[in-house]
Amino acid sequence: MLTVNDNQYSTEVADETMPSSVETKVESSNKTDKRFEKILSVEWLGQTLASLCWIGSVFVYGITSSGDWLQLCAASSWLLANIASAMPAKNH
């Protein structure tokens, strides 16, 4: 129900009266907001930048041994883990 108090609008909706489509949109919006908050956090940006620099350094110095390939795999895994952590979790 929409109520008007002192020229300020507020929504007061009982859980049982809210359509499921509205609940889904609200949940989706909250998940998106949380994902952007995580992406913009210093920790996430720092780790992602560090993994990208590590990947770049492997190519700058060249891939000349199996250790270089391991370095590239480690840096790529770190980057993928950071990207995956920013993705929304699947609810089962």
N, C-alpha and C. Protein backbone atom coordinates (compact mmCIF):
# COMPACT_ATOMS: atom_id res chain seq x y z
N MET A 1 0.84 -1.15 0.00
CA MET A 1 0.00 0.00 0.00
C MET A 1 0.90 1.22 0.00
N LEU A 2 0.53 2.23 -0.76
CA LEU A 2 1.27 3.48 -0.83
C LEU A 2 0.61 4.47 0.12
N THR A 3 1.42 5.02 1.01
CA THR A 3 0.87 5.97 1.97
C THR A 3 1.56 7.31 1.80
N VAL A 4 0.83 8.38 2.12
CA VAL A 4 1.39 9.72 2.02
C VAL A 4 1.43 10.30 3.43
N ASN A 5 2.61 10.68 3.87
CA ASN A 5 2.78 11.28 5.19
C ASN A 5 3.57 12.56 5.05
N ASP A 6 2.96 13.70 5.37
CA ASP A 6 3.64 14.99 5.33
C ASP A 6 4.34 15.23 4.00
N ASN A 7 3.64 15.00 2.91
CA ASN A 7 4.15 15.21 1.56
C ASN A 7 5.37 14.34 1.23
N GLN A 8 5.62 13.30 1.97
CA GLN A 8 6.69 12.36 1.66
C GLN A 8 6.04 11.03 1.30
N TYR A 9 6.54 10.44 0.25
CA TYR A 9 5.99 9.17 -0.19
C TYR A 9 6.80 8.05 0.40
N SER A 10 6.12 7.05 0.88
CA SER A 10 6.81 5.86 1.36
C SER A 10 5.98 4.65 0.95
N THR A 11 6.66 3.58 0.74
CA THR A 11 5.93 2.37 0.37
C THR A 11 5.97 1.42 1.55
N GLU A 12 4.84 0.92 1.87
CA GLU A 12 4.72 -0.07 2.91
C GLU A 12 3.94 -1.22 2.31
N VAL A 13 4.63 -2.26 1.94
CA VAL A 13 4.00 -3.37 1.26
C VAL A 13 4.19 -4.61 2.11
N ALA A 14 3.11 -5.24 2.42
CA ALA A 14 3.19 -6.50 3.15
C ALA A 14 3.76 -7.56 2.23
N ASP A 15 4.53 -8.48 2.80
CA ASP A 15 5.19 -9.51 1.99
C ASP A 15 4.20 -10.32 1.17
N GLU A 16 3.03 -10.61 1.75
CA GLU A 16 2.08 -11.46 1.04
C GLU A 16 1.37 -10.72 -0.09
N THR A 17 1.42 -9.39 -0.11
CA THR A 17 0.74 -8.66 -1.18
C THR A 17 1.67 -8.28 -2.32
N MET A 18 2.97 -8.46 -2.16
CA MET A 18 3.91 -8.08 -3.20
C MET A 18 3.95 -9.16 -4.28
N PRO A 19 3.72 -8.79 -5.51
CA PRO A 19 3.78 -9.78 -6.59
C PRO A 19 5.19 -10.36 -6.70
N SER A 20 5.27 -11.61 -7.10
CA SER A 20 6.57 -12.27 -7.19
C SER A 20 7.47 -11.61 -8.22
N SER A 21 6.89 -11.01 -9.27
CA SER A 21 7.72 -10.34 -10.27
C SER A 21 8.42 -9.13 -9.67
N VAL A 22 7.77 -8.43 -8.76
CA VAL A 22 8.39 -7.28 -8.09
C VAL A 22 9.49 -7.77 -7.17
N GLU A 23 9.24 -8.86 -6.44
CA GLU A 23 10.25 -9.42 -5.55
C GLU A 23 11.48 -9.83 -6.34
N THR A 24 11.27 -10.44 -7.50
CA THR A 24 12.38 -10.88 -8.34
C THR A 24 13.20 -9.69 -8.82
N LYS A 25 12.52 -8.62 -9.23
CA LYS A 25 13.24 -7.42 -9.69
C LYS A 25 14.03 -6.79 -8.56
N VAL A 26 13.47 -6.76 -7.37
CA VAL A 26 14.16 -6.18 -6.22
C VAL A 26 15.39 -7.02 -5.89
N GLU A 27 15.23 -8.35 -5.86
CA GLU A 27 16.36 -9.23 -5.57
C GLU A 27 17.44 -9.08 -6.63
N SER A 28 17.04 -9.00 -7.90
CA SER A 28 17.99 -8.85 -8.99
C SER A 28 18.74 -7.54 -8.87
N SER A 29 18.04 -6.49 -8.53
CA SER A 29 18.66 -5.18 -8.36
C SER A 29 19.66 -5.21 -7.21
N ASN A 30 19.30 -5.86 -6.11
CA ASN A 30 20.20 -5.96 -4.96
C ASN A 30 21.45 -6.75 -5.31
N LYS A 31 21.30 -7.82 -6.07
CA LYS A 31 22.45 -8.62 -6.48
C LYS A 31 23.38 -7.81 -7.38
N THR A 32 22.79 -7.04 -8.29
CA THR A 32 23.59 -6.22 -9.19
C THR A 32 24.34 -5.16 -8.41
N ASP A 33 23.67 -4.53 -7.45
CA ASP A 33 24.31 -3.51 -6.63
C ASP A 33 25.48 -4.10 -5.85
N LYS A 34 25.27 -5.28 -5.27
CA LYS A 34 26.34 -5.93 -4.50
C LYS A 34 27.51 -6.31 -5.40
N ARG A 35 27.21 -6.73 -6.63
CA ARG A 35 28.28 -7.11 -7.56
C ARG A 35 29.12 -5.88 -7.91
N PHE A 36 28.47 -4.76 -8.18
CA PHE A 36 29.21 -3.54 -8.51
C PHE A 36 30.01 -3.03 -7.31
N GLU A 37 29.44 -3.18 -6.12
CA GLU A 37 30.18 -2.79 -4.91
C GLU A 37 31.46 -3.62 -4.79
N LYS A 38 31.35 -4.91 -5.08
CA LYS A 38 32.52 -5.79 -4.99
C LYS A 38 33.55 -5.42 -6.05
N ILE A 39 33.10 -5.18 -7.27
CA ILE A 39 34.02 -4.84 -8.36
C ILE A 39 34.74 -3.53 -8.07
N LEU A 40 34.06 -2.60 -7.45
CA LEU A 40 34.67 -1.31 -7.16
C LEU A 40 35.46 -1.28 -5.85
N SER A 41 35.53 -2.41 -5.16
CA SER A 41 36.28 -2.44 -3.90
C SER A 41 37.78 -2.44 -4.20
N VAL A 42 38.54 -1.87 -3.29
CA VAL A 42 39.99 -1.79 -3.45
C VAL A 42 40.60 -3.18 -3.54
N GLU A 43 40.11 -4.11 -2.74
CA GLU A 43 40.66 -5.47 -2.73
C GLU A 43 40.49 -6.15 -4.09
N TRP A 44 39.28 -6.07 -4.64
CA TRP A 44 39.02 -6.75 -5.91
C TRP A 44 39.80 -6.10 -7.04
N LEU A 45 39.79 -4.76 -7.08
CA LEU A 45 40.53 -4.07 -8.14
C LEU A 45 42.03 -4.33 -8.03
N GLY A 46 42.55 -4.33 -6.81
CA GLY A 46 43.98 -4.58 -6.62
C GLY A 46 44.39 -5.97 -7.07
N GLN A 47 43.62 -6.97 -6.70
CA GLN A 47 43.95 -8.33 -7.10
C GLN A 47 43.82 -8.53 -8.61
N THR A 48 42.80 -7.94 -9.19
CA THR A 48 42.61 -8.07 -10.63
C THR A 48 43.74 -7.38 -11.38
N LEU A 49 44.12 -6.19 -10.95
CA LEU A 49 45.23 -5.48 -11.57
C LEU A 49 46.54 -6.26 -11.42
N ALA A 50 46.76 -6.82 -10.23
CA ALA A 50 47.98 -7.59 -10.00
C ALA A 50 48.04 -8.82 -10.92
N SER A 51 46.91 -9.50 -11.09
CA SER A 51 46.92 -10.68 -11.95
C SER A 51 47.14 -10.29 -13.41
N LEU A 52 46.57 -9.16 -13.83
CA LEU A 52 46.78 -8.70 -15.21
C LEU A 52 48.25 -8.30 -15.43
N CYS A 53 48.85 -7.66 -14.44
CA CYS A 53 50.28 -7.31 -14.55
C CYS A 53 51.14 -8.57 -14.62
N TRP A 54 50.79 -9.56 -13.84
CA TRP A 54 51.54 -10.82 -13.84
C TRP A 54 51.45 -11.47 -15.21
N ILE A 55 50.25 -11.50 -15.78
CA ILE A 55 50.07 -12.07 -17.12
C ILE A 55 50.90 -11.28 -18.13
N GLY A 56 50.83 -9.96 -18.05
CA GLY A 56 51.60 -9.12 -18.96
C GLY A 56 53.09 -9.34 -18.85
N SER A 57 53.58 -9.53 -17.62
CA SER A 57 55.02 -9.73 -17.44
C SER A 57 55.51 -11.03 -18.07
N VAL A 58 54.65 -12.03 -18.07
CA VAL A 58 55.03 -13.31 -18.70
C VAL A 58 55.26 -13.09 -20.19
N PHE A 59 54.40 -12.30 -20.81
CA PHE A 59 54.56 -12.05 -22.25
C PHE A 59 55.72 -11.10 -22.54
N VAL A 60 55.95 -10.13 -21.66
CA VAL A 60 57.05 -9.19 -21.86
C VAL A 60 58.40 -9.91 -21.79
N TYR A 61 58.54 -10.79 -20.79
CA TYR A 61 59.81 -11.50 -20.62
C TYR A 61 59.91 -12.73 -21.51
N GLY A 62 58.80 -13.16 -22.06
CA GLY A 62 58.81 -14.29 -22.98
C GLY A 62 58.54 -15.61 -22.29
N ILE A 63 58.01 -16.51 -23.07
CA ILE A 63 57.72 -17.85 -22.57
C ILE A 63 58.80 -18.76 -23.14
N THR A 64 59.79 -19.04 -22.30
CA THR A 64 60.94 -19.81 -22.78
C THR A 64 61.09 -21.15 -22.07
N SER A 65 60.30 -21.38 -21.04
CA SER A 65 60.44 -22.65 -20.31
C SER A 65 59.08 -23.09 -19.78
N SER A 66 59.05 -24.30 -19.24
CA SER A 66 57.79 -24.81 -18.68
C SER A 66 57.39 -23.99 -17.45
N GLY A 67 58.35 -23.42 -16.73
CA GLY A 67 58.04 -22.57 -15.59
C GLY A 67 57.27 -21.32 -16.00
N ASP A 68 57.59 -20.80 -17.18
CA ASP A 68 56.86 -19.63 -17.68
C ASP A 68 55.40 -19.97 -17.96
N TRP A 69 55.18 -21.17 -18.49
CA TRP A 69 53.81 -21.61 -18.73
C TRP A 69 53.05 -21.77 -17.42
N LEU A 70 53.74 -22.28 -16.39
CA LEU A 70 53.10 -22.41 -15.08
C LEU A 70 52.76 -21.03 -14.51
N GLN A 71 53.66 -20.07 -14.69
CA GLN A 71 53.39 -18.70 -14.24
C GLN A 71 52.15 -18.14 -14.94
N LEU A 72 52.06 -18.37 -16.24
CA LEU A 72 50.92 -17.89 -17.01
C LEU A 72 49.63 -18.56 -16.54
N CYS A 73 49.68 -19.85 -16.30
CA CYS A 73 48.50 -20.57 -15.81
C CYS A 73 48.07 -20.06 -14.43
N ALA A 74 49.04 -19.82 -13.54
CA ALA A 74 48.72 -19.34 -12.20
C ALA A 74 48.09 -17.95 -12.26
N ALA A 75 48.67 -17.06 -13.05
CA ALA A 75 48.14 -15.70 -13.17
C ALA A 75 46.76 -15.70 -13.81
N SER A 76 46.57 -16.55 -14.81
CA SER A 76 45.26 -16.64 -15.48
C SER A 76 44.21 -17.20 -14.54
N SER A 77 44.59 -18.19 -13.74
CA SER A 77 43.67 -18.77 -12.76
C SER A 77 43.26 -17.73 -11.73
N TRP A 78 44.21 -16.94 -11.29
CA TRP A 78 43.93 -15.89 -10.33
C TRP A 78 42.94 -14.87 -10.91
N LEU A 79 43.16 -14.49 -12.17
CA LEU A 79 42.26 -13.55 -12.83
C LEU A 79 40.86 -14.14 -12.97
N LEU A 80 40.77 -15.38 -13.40
CA LEU A 80 39.46 -16.03 -13.55
C LEU A 80 38.74 -16.16 -12.22
N ALA A 81 39.49 -16.44 -11.15
CA ALA A 81 38.88 -16.54 -9.82
C ALA A 81 38.32 -15.18 -9.39
N ASN A 82 39.03 -14.11 -9.69
CA ASN A 82 38.53 -12.77 -9.35
C ASN A 82 37.27 -12.44 -10.13
N ILE A 83 37.27 -12.79 -11.40
CA ILE A 83 36.08 -12.52 -12.23
C ILE A 83 34.90 -13.35 -11.73
N ALA A 84 35.15 -14.61 -11.41
CA ALA A 84 34.09 -15.49 -10.94
C ALA A 84 33.53 -15.01 -9.60
N SER A 85 34.37 -14.43 -8.76
CA SER A 85 33.89 -13.96 -7.46
C SER A 85 32.95 -12.77 -7.60
N ALA A 86 33.01 -12.08 -8.72
CA ALA A 86 32.13 -10.94 -8.94
C ALA A 86 30.82 -11.34 -9.63
N MET A 87 30.74 -12.56 -10.09
CA MET A 87 29.53 -13.04 -10.75
C MET A 87 28.48 -13.40 -9.69
N PRO A 88 27.20 -13.26 -10.04
CA PRO A 88 26.16 -13.62 -9.08
C PRO A 88 26.16 -15.11 -8.82
N ALA A 89 25.89 -15.45 -7.57
CA ALA A 89 25.81 -16.87 -7.19
C ALA A 89 24.50 -17.45 -7.69
N LYS A 90 24.55 -18.70 -8.10
CA LYS A 90 23.33 -19.38 -8.53
C LYS A 90 22.63 -19.95 -7.31
N ASN A 91 21.35 -19.64 -7.18
CA ASN A 91 20.56 -20.17 -6.07
C ASN A 91 19.83 -21.40 -6.55
N HIS A 92 20.05 -22.50 -5.85
CA HIS A 92 19.37 -23.75 -6.23
C HIS A 92 18.32 -24.06 -5.23
